[in-house]
Full PDB file with SEQRES, HELIX, SHEET, SSBOND, CRYST1, ORIGX, SCALE, CONECT and MASTER records, all heavy atoms in Angstrom:
SEQRES   1 A   30  VAL ARG ARG ASP GLU LYS LYS ALA ARG GLU ARG ALA GLU          
SEQRES   2 A   30  TRP LEU MET GLU TYR LEU ASN LEU THR SER VAL ALA GLY          
SEQRES   3 A   30  ARG GLY VAL GLY                                              
HELIX    1 AA1 ARG A    2  TYR A   18  1                                  17    
HELIX    2 AA2 THR A   22  VAL A   24  5                                   3    
CRYST1    1.000    1.000    1.000  90.00  90.00  90.00 P 1           1          
ORIGX1      1.000000  0.000000  0.000000        0.00000                         
ORIGX2      0.000000  1.000000  0.000000        0.00000                         
ORIGX3      0.000000  0.000000  1.000000        0.00000                         
SCALE1      1.000000  0.000000  0.000000        0.00000                         
SCALE2      0.000000  1.000000  0.000000        0.00000                         
SCALE3      0.000000  0.000000  1.000000        0.00000                         
ATOM      1  N   VAL A   1       5.863   7.317 -15.635  1.00  0.00           N  
ATOM      2  CA  VAL A   1       6.072   6.139 -14.798  1.00  0.00           C  
ATOM      3  C   VAL A   1       6.170   6.546 -13.427  1.00  0.00           C  
ATOM      4  O   VAL A   1       5.700   5.962 -12.435  1.00  0.00           O  
ATOM      5  CB  VAL A   1       7.327   5.489 -15.281  1.00  0.00           C  
ATOM      6  CG1 VAL A   1       7.826   4.390 -14.274  1.00  0.00           C  
ATOM      7  CG2 VAL A   1       7.142   4.813 -16.519  1.00  0.00           C  
ATOM      8  N   ARG A   2       7.055   7.644 -13.134  1.00  0.00           N  
ATOM      9  CA  ARG A   2       7.119   8.244 -11.740  1.00  0.00           C  
ATOM     10  C   ARG A   2       5.733   8.716 -11.199  1.00  0.00           C  
ATOM     11  O   ARG A   2       5.515   8.368  -9.999  1.00  0.00           O  
ATOM     12  CB  ARG A   2       8.098   9.435 -11.710  1.00  0.00           C  
ATOM     13  CG  ARG A   2       9.527   9.045 -11.975  1.00  0.00           C  
ATOM     14  CD  ARG A   2      10.418   9.991 -11.721  1.00  0.00           C  
ATOM     15  NE  ARG A   2      10.302  11.318 -12.195  1.00  0.00           N  
ATOM     16  CZ  ARG A   2      10.668  11.789 -13.323  1.00  0.00           C  
ATOM     17  NH1 ARG A   2      11.546  11.030 -14.016  1.00  0.00           N  
ATOM     18  NH2 ARG A   2      10.330  12.999 -13.808  1.00  0.00           N  
ATOM     19  N   ARG A   3       4.933   9.270 -12.068  1.00  0.00           N  
ATOM     20  CA  ARG A   3       3.689   9.718 -11.453  1.00  0.00           C  
ATOM     21  C   ARG A   3       2.850   8.559 -11.123  1.00  0.00           C  
ATOM     22  O   ARG A   3       2.110   8.615 -10.127  1.00  0.00           O  
ATOM     23  CB  ARG A   3       3.086  10.602 -12.619  1.00  0.00           C  
ATOM     24  CG  ARG A   3       1.576  11.078 -12.415  1.00  0.00           C  
ATOM     25  CD  ARG A   3       0.816  11.522 -13.698  1.00  0.00           C  
ATOM     26  NE  ARG A   3       0.544  10.264 -14.461  1.00  0.00           N  
ATOM     27  CZ  ARG A   3       0.343  10.262 -15.821  1.00  0.00           C  
ATOM     28  NH1 ARG A   3       0.380  11.341 -16.329  1.00  0.00           N  
ATOM     29  NH2 ARG A   3       0.097   9.165 -16.325  1.00  0.00           N  
ATOM     30  N   ASP A   4       2.743   7.564 -12.141  1.00  0.00           N  
ATOM     31  CA  ASP A   4       1.779   6.356 -11.745  1.00  0.00           C  
ATOM     32  C   ASP A   4       2.411   5.629 -10.591  1.00  0.00           C  
ATOM     33  O   ASP A   4       1.608   5.087  -9.887  1.00  0.00           O  
ATOM     34  CB  ASP A   4       1.760   5.463 -13.006  1.00  0.00           C  
ATOM     35  CG  ASP A   4       0.786   6.022 -14.094  1.00  0.00           C  
ATOM     36  OD1 ASP A   4       0.259   7.134 -13.797  1.00  0.00           O  
ATOM     37  OD2 ASP A   4       0.568   5.452 -15.205  1.00  0.00           O  
ATOM     38  N   GLU A   5       3.705   5.489 -10.455  1.00  0.00           N  
ATOM     39  CA  GLU A   5       4.229   4.779  -9.248  1.00  0.00           C  
ATOM     40  C   GLU A   5       3.828   5.538  -7.959  1.00  0.00           C  
ATOM     41  O   GLU A   5       3.443   4.850  -6.912  1.00  0.00           O  
ATOM     42  CB  GLU A   5       5.774   4.728  -9.388  1.00  0.00           C  
ATOM     43  CG  GLU A   5       6.240   3.709 -10.341  1.00  0.00           C  
ATOM     44  CD  GLU A   5       7.706   3.692 -10.481  1.00  0.00           C  
ATOM     45  OE1 GLU A   5       8.452   4.452  -9.941  1.00  0.00           O  
ATOM     46  OE2 GLU A   5       8.239   2.646 -11.082  1.00  0.00           O  
ATOM     47  N   LYS A   6       3.948   6.754  -7.937  1.00  0.00           N  
ATOM     48  CA  LYS A   6       3.485   7.645  -6.775  1.00  0.00           C  
ATOM     49  C   LYS A   6       2.074   7.479  -6.495  1.00  0.00           C  
ATOM     50  O   LYS A   6       1.556   7.190  -5.358  1.00  0.00           O  
ATOM     51  CB  LYS A   6       3.776   9.080  -7.001  1.00  0.00           C  
ATOM     52  CG  LYS A   6       3.475   9.968  -5.835  1.00  0.00           C  
ATOM     53  CD  LYS A   6       3.879  11.376  -6.148  1.00  0.00           C  
ATOM     54  CE  LYS A   6       3.589  12.300  -4.931  1.00  0.00           C  
ATOM     55  NZ  LYS A   6       2.226  12.466  -4.581  1.00  0.00           N  
ATOM     56  N   LYS A   7       1.208   7.489  -7.658  1.00  0.00           N  
ATOM     57  CA  LYS A   7      -0.281   7.365  -7.448  1.00  0.00           C  
ATOM     58  C   LYS A   7      -0.693   5.929  -6.966  1.00  0.00           C  
ATOM     59  O   LYS A   7      -1.520   5.686  -6.007  1.00  0.00           O  
ATOM     60  CB  LYS A   7      -1.013   7.545  -8.719  1.00  0.00           C  
ATOM     61  CG  LYS A   7      -2.368   7.395  -8.756  1.00  0.00           C  
ATOM     62  CD  LYS A   7      -2.977   7.639 -10.178  1.00  0.00           C  
ATOM     63  CE  LYS A   7      -4.412   7.399 -10.320  1.00  0.00           C  
ATOM     64  NZ  LYS A   7      -5.074   7.554 -11.558  1.00  0.00           N  
ATOM     65  N   ALA A   8       0.139   4.941  -7.505  1.00  0.00           N  
ATOM     66  CA  ALA A   8      -0.121   3.495  -7.113  1.00  0.00           C  
ATOM     67  C   ALA A   8       0.186   3.332  -5.578  1.00  0.00           C  
ATOM     68  O   ALA A   8      -0.545   2.641  -4.808  1.00  0.00           O  
ATOM     69  CB  ALA A   8       0.664   2.391  -7.904  1.00  0.00           C  
ATOM     70  N   ARG A   9       1.326   3.933  -5.201  1.00  0.00           N  
ATOM     71  CA  ARG A   9       1.773   3.657  -3.756  1.00  0.00           C  
ATOM     72  C   ARG A   9       0.811   4.339  -2.734  1.00  0.00           C  
ATOM     73  O   ARG A   9       0.474   3.718  -1.731  1.00  0.00           O  
ATOM     74  CB  ARG A   9       3.176   4.093  -3.451  1.00  0.00           C  
ATOM     75  CG  ARG A   9       3.755   3.971  -2.021  1.00  0.00           C  
ATOM     76  CD  ARG A   9       5.168   4.086  -2.144  1.00  0.00           C  
ATOM     77  NE  ARG A   9       5.848   2.938  -2.885  1.00  0.00           N  
ATOM     78  CZ  ARG A   9       6.138   1.788  -2.157  1.00  0.00           C  
ATOM     79  NH1 ARG A   9       5.872   1.503  -0.998  1.00  0.00           N  
ATOM     80  NH2 ARG A   9       6.831   0.903  -2.820  1.00  0.00           N  
ATOM     81  N   GLU A  10       0.296   5.645  -3.140  1.00  0.00           N  
ATOM     82  CA  GLU A  10      -0.696   6.251  -2.373  1.00  0.00           C  
ATOM     83  C   GLU A  10      -1.972   5.440  -2.301  1.00  0.00           C  
ATOM     84  O   GLU A  10      -2.569   5.337  -1.209  1.00  0.00           O  
ATOM     85  CB  GLU A  10      -0.976   7.631  -2.974  1.00  0.00           C  
ATOM     86  CG  GLU A  10       0.138   8.583  -2.747  1.00  0.00           C  
ATOM     87  CD  GLU A  10      -0.066   9.929  -3.365  1.00  0.00           C  
ATOM     88  OE1 GLU A  10      -0.901  10.012  -4.249  1.00  0.00           O  
ATOM     89  OE2 GLU A  10       0.818  10.893  -3.291  1.00  0.00           O  
ATOM     90  N   ARG A  11      -2.489   4.885  -3.374  1.00  0.00           N  
ATOM     91  CA  ARG A  11      -3.749   3.963  -3.356  1.00  0.00           C  
ATOM     92  C   ARG A  11      -3.446   2.735  -2.669  1.00  0.00           C  
ATOM     93  O   ARG A  11      -4.383   2.307  -1.799  1.00  0.00           O  
ATOM     94  CB  ARG A  11      -4.082   3.730  -4.810  1.00  0.00           C  
ATOM     95  CG  ARG A  11      -5.405   2.865  -4.806  1.00  0.00           C  
ATOM     96  CD  ARG A  11      -5.931   2.828  -6.248  1.00  0.00           C  
ATOM     97  NE  ARG A  11      -7.147   1.916  -6.298  1.00  0.00           N  
ATOM     98  CZ  ARG A  11      -8.422   2.261  -5.915  1.00  0.00           C  
ATOM     99  NH1 ARG A  11      -8.616   3.544  -5.503  1.00  0.00           N  
ATOM    100  NH2 ARG A  11      -9.370   1.461  -5.843  1.00  0.00           N  
ATOM    101  N   ALA A  12      -2.393   2.194  -2.739  1.00  0.00           N  
ATOM    102  CA  ALA A  12      -1.988   0.973  -1.953  1.00  0.00           C  
ATOM    103  C   ALA A  12      -1.941   1.203  -0.488  1.00  0.00           C  
ATOM    104  O   ALA A  12      -2.582   0.513   0.339  1.00  0.00           O  
ATOM    105  CB  ALA A  12      -0.633   0.367  -2.355  1.00  0.00           C  
ATOM    106  N   GLU A  13      -1.401   2.294  -0.072  1.00  0.00           N  
ATOM    107  CA  GLU A  13      -1.385   2.674   1.273  1.00  0.00           C  
ATOM    108  C   GLU A  13      -2.751   2.978   1.841  1.00  0.00           C  
ATOM    109  O   GLU A  13      -3.057   2.560   2.919  1.00  0.00           O  
ATOM    110  CB  GLU A  13      -0.510   3.852   1.637  1.00  0.00           C  
ATOM    111  CG  GLU A  13       0.915   3.558   1.288  1.00  0.00           C  
ATOM    112  CD  GLU A  13       1.758   4.863   1.407  1.00  0.00           C  
ATOM    113  OE1 GLU A  13       1.294   5.986   1.315  1.00  0.00           O  
ATOM    114  OE2 GLU A  13       3.034   4.805   1.492  1.00  0.00           O  
ATOM    115  N   TRP A  14      -3.634   3.620   1.070  1.00  0.00           N  
ATOM    116  CA  TRP A  14      -5.001   3.877   1.575  1.00  0.00           C  
ATOM    117  C   TRP A  14      -5.811   2.650   1.545  1.00  0.00           C  
ATOM    118  O   TRP A  14      -6.504   2.465   2.574  1.00  0.00           O  
ATOM    119  CB  TRP A  14      -5.665   4.872   0.413  1.00  0.00           C  
ATOM    120  CG  TRP A  14      -7.164   5.196   0.856  1.00  0.00           C  
ATOM    121  CD1 TRP A  14      -7.373   6.322   1.558  1.00  0.00           C  
ATOM    122  CD2 TRP A  14      -8.259   4.447   0.493  1.00  0.00           C  
ATOM    123  NE1 TRP A  14      -8.731   6.276   1.838  1.00  0.00           N  
ATOM    124  CE2 TRP A  14      -9.352   5.352   1.078  1.00  0.00           C  
ATOM    125  CE3 TRP A  14      -8.654   3.448  -0.304  1.00  0.00           C  
ATOM    126  CZ2 TRP A  14     -10.632   4.837   0.987  1.00  0.00           C  
ATOM    127  CZ3 TRP A  14      -9.858   3.046  -0.363  1.00  0.00           C  
ATOM    128  CH2 TRP A  14     -10.909   3.765   0.195  1.00  0.00           C  
ATOM    129  N   LEU A  15      -5.694   1.653   0.633  1.00  0.00           N  
ATOM    130  CA  LEU A  15      -6.308   0.441   0.718  1.00  0.00           C  
ATOM    131  C   LEU A  15      -5.940  -0.296   1.880  1.00  0.00           C  
ATOM    132  O   LEU A  15      -6.787  -1.083   2.569  1.00  0.00           O  
ATOM    133  CB  LEU A  15      -6.169  -0.398  -0.634  1.00  0.00           C  
ATOM    134  CG  LEU A  15      -6.977   0.076  -1.796  1.00  0.00           C  
ATOM    135  CD1 LEU A  15      -6.431  -0.563  -3.132  1.00  0.00           C  
ATOM    136  CD2 LEU A  15      -8.391  -0.199  -1.623  1.00  0.00           C  
ATOM    137  N   MET A  16      -4.540  -0.371   2.204  1.00  0.00           N  
ATOM    138  CA  MET A  16      -4.178  -1.174   3.330  1.00  0.00           C  
ATOM    139  C   MET A  16      -4.677  -0.552   4.636  1.00  0.00           C  
ATOM    140  O   MET A  16      -5.089  -1.266   5.569  1.00  0.00           O  
ATOM    141  CB  MET A  16      -2.724  -1.136   3.326  1.00  0.00           C  
ATOM    142  CG  MET A  16      -2.143  -2.294   2.329  1.00  0.00           C  
ATOM    143  SD  MET A  16      -0.508  -2.449   2.394  1.00  0.00           S  
ATOM    144  CE  MET A  16       0.212  -0.942   2.285  1.00  0.00           C  
ATOM    145  N   GLU A  17      -4.892   0.728   4.679  1.00  0.00           N  
ATOM    146  CA  GLU A  17      -5.490   1.261   5.859  1.00  0.00           C  
ATOM    147  C   GLU A  17      -6.969   0.865   6.011  1.00  0.00           C  
ATOM    148  O   GLU A  17      -7.563   0.636   7.035  1.00  0.00           O  
ATOM    149  CB  GLU A  17      -5.311   2.810   5.859  1.00  0.00           C  
ATOM    150  CG  GLU A  17      -5.882   3.605   7.016  1.00  0.00           C  
ATOM    151  CD  GLU A  17      -5.709   5.015   7.110  1.00  0.00           C  
ATOM    152  OE1 GLU A  17      -5.006   5.569   6.128  1.00  0.00           O  
ATOM    153  OE2 GLU A  17      -6.281   5.755   7.925  1.00  0.00           O  
ATOM    154  N   TYR A  18      -7.657   1.066   4.777  1.00  0.00           N  
ATOM    155  CA  TYR A  18      -9.083   0.717   4.649  1.00  0.00           C  
ATOM    156  C   TYR A  18      -9.426  -0.769   5.145  1.00  0.00           C  
ATOM    157  O   TYR A  18     -10.478  -1.047   5.704  1.00  0.00           O  
ATOM    158  CB  TYR A  18      -9.500   0.878   3.283  1.00  0.00           C  
ATOM    159  CG  TYR A  18     -10.910   0.689   2.985  1.00  0.00           C  
ATOM    160  CD1 TYR A  18     -11.906   1.708   3.089  1.00  0.00           C  
ATOM    161  CD2 TYR A  18     -11.449  -0.617   2.599  1.00  0.00           C  
ATOM    162  CE1 TYR A  18     -13.240   1.603   2.775  1.00  0.00           C  
ATOM    163  CE2 TYR A  18     -12.950  -0.786   2.298  1.00  0.00           C  
ATOM    164  CZ  TYR A  18     -13.695   0.371   2.445  1.00  0.00           C  
ATOM    165  OH  TYR A  18     -15.064   0.176   2.254  1.00  0.00           O  
ATOM    166  N   LEU A  19      -8.394  -1.655   4.924  1.00  0.00           N  
ATOM    167  CA  LEU A  19      -8.635  -3.129   5.169  1.00  0.00           C  
ATOM    168  C   LEU A  19      -7.751  -3.591   6.310  1.00  0.00           C  
ATOM    169  O   LEU A  19      -7.592  -4.690   6.623  1.00  0.00           O  
ATOM    170  CB  LEU A  19      -8.258  -3.916   3.929  1.00  0.00           C  
ATOM    171  CG  LEU A  19      -9.252  -3.852   2.851  1.00  0.00           C  
ATOM    172  CD1 LEU A  19      -8.706  -4.481   1.444  1.00  0.00           C  
ATOM    173  CD2 LEU A  19     -10.541  -4.400   3.115  1.00  0.00           C  
ATOM    174  N   ASN A  20      -7.371  -2.562   7.151  1.00  0.00           N  
ATOM    175  CA  ASN A  20      -6.604  -2.809   8.375  1.00  0.00           C  
ATOM    176  C   ASN A  20      -5.306  -3.720   8.149  1.00  0.00           C  
ATOM    177  O   ASN A  20      -5.129  -4.612   8.896  1.00  0.00           O  
ATOM    178  CB  ASN A  20      -7.523  -3.400   9.474  1.00  0.00           C  
ATOM    179  CG  ASN A  20      -8.725  -2.523   9.831  1.00  0.00           C  
ATOM    180  OD1 ASN A  20      -8.506  -1.427  10.142  1.00  0.00           O  
ATOM    181  ND2 ASN A  20      -9.794  -3.202  10.026  1.00  0.00           N  
ATOM    182  N   LEU A  21      -4.641  -3.340   7.223  1.00  0.00           N  
ATOM    183  CA  LEU A  21      -3.342  -4.055   6.818  1.00  0.00           C  
ATOM    184  C   LEU A  21      -2.124  -3.257   6.939  1.00  0.00           C  
ATOM    185  O   LEU A  21      -1.048  -3.733   6.627  1.00  0.00           O  
ATOM    186  CB  LEU A  21      -3.530  -4.522   5.391  1.00  0.00           C  
ATOM    187  CG  LEU A  21      -4.530  -5.493   4.983  1.00  0.00           C  
ATOM    188  CD1 LEU A  21      -4.693  -5.679   3.455  1.00  0.00           C  
ATOM    189  CD2 LEU A  21      -4.036  -6.903   5.614  1.00  0.00           C  
ATOM    190  N   THR A  22      -2.278  -1.937   7.436  1.00  0.00           N  
ATOM    191  CA  THR A  22      -1.105  -1.023   7.507  1.00  0.00           C  
ATOM    192  C   THR A  22       0.014  -1.603   8.386  1.00  0.00           C  
ATOM    193  O   THR A  22       1.108  -1.538   8.040  1.00  0.00           O  
ATOM    194  CB  THR A  22      -1.587   0.301   8.078  1.00  0.00           C  
ATOM    195  OG1 THR A  22      -2.470   0.957   7.110  1.00  0.00           O  
ATOM    196  CG2 THR A  22      -0.373   1.218   8.033  1.00  0.00           C  
ATOM    197  N   SER A  23      -0.397  -2.299   9.557  1.00  0.00           N  
ATOM    198  CA  SER A  23       0.684  -2.713  10.444  1.00  0.00           C  
ATOM    199  C   SER A  23       1.484  -3.892   9.844  1.00  0.00           C  
ATOM    200  O   SER A  23       2.580  -4.220  10.434  1.00  0.00           O  
ATOM    201  CB  SER A  23      -0.014  -3.205  11.823  1.00  0.00           C  
ATOM    202  OG  SER A  23      -0.931  -4.279  11.455  1.00  0.00           O  
ATOM    203  N   VAL A  24       1.026  -4.631   8.788  1.00  0.00           N  
ATOM    204  CA  VAL A  24       1.737  -5.677   8.292  1.00  0.00           C  
ATOM    205  C   VAL A  24       2.308  -5.309   6.827  1.00  0.00           C  
ATOM    206  O   VAL A  24       2.683  -6.262   6.152  1.00  0.00           O  
ATOM    207  CB  VAL A  24       0.929  -6.997   8.205  1.00  0.00           C  
ATOM    208  CG1 VAL A  24       0.408  -7.389   9.646  1.00  0.00           C  
ATOM    209  CG2 VAL A  24      -0.378  -6.777   7.297  1.00  0.00           C  
ATOM    210  N   ALA A  25       2.288  -4.099   6.473  1.00  0.00           N  
ATOM    211  CA  ALA A  25       2.683  -3.755   5.182  1.00  0.00           C  
ATOM    212  C   ALA A  25       4.039  -4.257   4.746  1.00  0.00           C  
ATOM    213  O   ALA A  25       4.215  -4.585   3.490  1.00  0.00           O  
ATOM    214  CB  ALA A  25       2.645  -2.188   5.100  1.00  0.00           C  
ATOM    215  N   GLY A  26       5.047  -4.267   5.700  1.00  0.00           N  
ATOM    216  CA  GLY A  26       6.261  -4.778   5.256  1.00  0.00           C  
ATOM    217  C   GLY A  26       6.613  -6.256   5.369  1.00  0.00           C  
ATOM    218  O   GLY A  26       7.807  -6.657   5.204  1.00  0.00           O  
ATOM    219  N   ARG A  27       5.610  -6.876   5.979  1.00  0.00           N  
ATOM    220  CA  ARG A  27       5.921  -8.248   6.223  1.00  0.00           C  
ATOM    221  C   ARG A  27       5.669  -9.294   5.169  1.00  0.00           C  
ATOM    222  O   ARG A  27       4.761  -9.012   4.161  1.00  0.00           O  
ATOM    223  CB  ARG A  27       4.926  -8.718   7.431  1.00  0.00           C  
ATOM    224  CG  ARG A  27       5.271  -8.159   8.784  1.00  0.00           C  
ATOM    225  CD  ARG A  27       4.457  -8.466   9.861  1.00  0.00           C  
ATOM    226  NE  ARG A  27       4.445  -9.925  10.042  1.00  0.00           N  
ATOM    227  CZ  ARG A  27       3.630 -10.639  11.079  1.00  0.00           C  
ATOM    228  NH1 ARG A  27       2.857  -9.749  11.822  1.00  0.00           N  
ATOM    229  NH2 ARG A  27       3.709 -11.831  11.191  1.00  0.00           N  
ATOM    230  N   GLY A  28       6.237 -10.315   5.027  1.00  0.00           N  
ATOM    231  CA  GLY A  28       6.205 -11.331   4.034  1.00  0.00           C  
ATOM    232  C   GLY A  28       4.684 -12.023   4.182  1.00  0.00           C  
ATOM    233  O   GLY A  28       4.425 -12.245   5.222  1.00  0.00           O  
ATOM    234  N   VAL A  29       4.104 -12.252   3.011  1.00  0.00           N  
ATOM    235  CA  VAL A  29       2.619 -12.628   3.173  1.00  0.00           C  
ATOM    236  C   VAL A  29       2.616 -14.154   3.669  1.00  0.00           C  
ATOM    237  O   VAL A  29       1.631 -14.478   4.296  1.00  0.00           O  
ATOM    238  CB  VAL A  29       1.928 -12.586   1.858  1.00  0.00           C  
ATOM    239  CG1 VAL A  29       1.808 -11.196   1.326  1.00  0.00           C  
ATOM    240  CG2 VAL A  29       2.584 -13.410   0.697  1.00  0.00           C  
ATOM    241  N   GLY A  30       3.747 -14.903   3.478  1.00  0.00           N  
ATOM    242  CA  GLY A  30       3.710 -16.234   3.883  1.00  0.00           C  
ATOM    243  C   GLY A  30       3.704 -16.559   5.488  1.00  0.00           C  
ATOM    244  O   GLY A  30       3.226 -17.554   5.878  1.00  0.00           O  
TER     245      GLY A  30                                                      
MASTER        0    0    0    2    0    0    0    6  244    1    0    3          
END                                                                             
């Protein structure tokens, strides 16, 4: 679980950078 959570967060961070979303990562989507 810990391994997959780490892998998932790393992939999510990479995808947000890829799609120019890093600056809004902590904001509510609404």
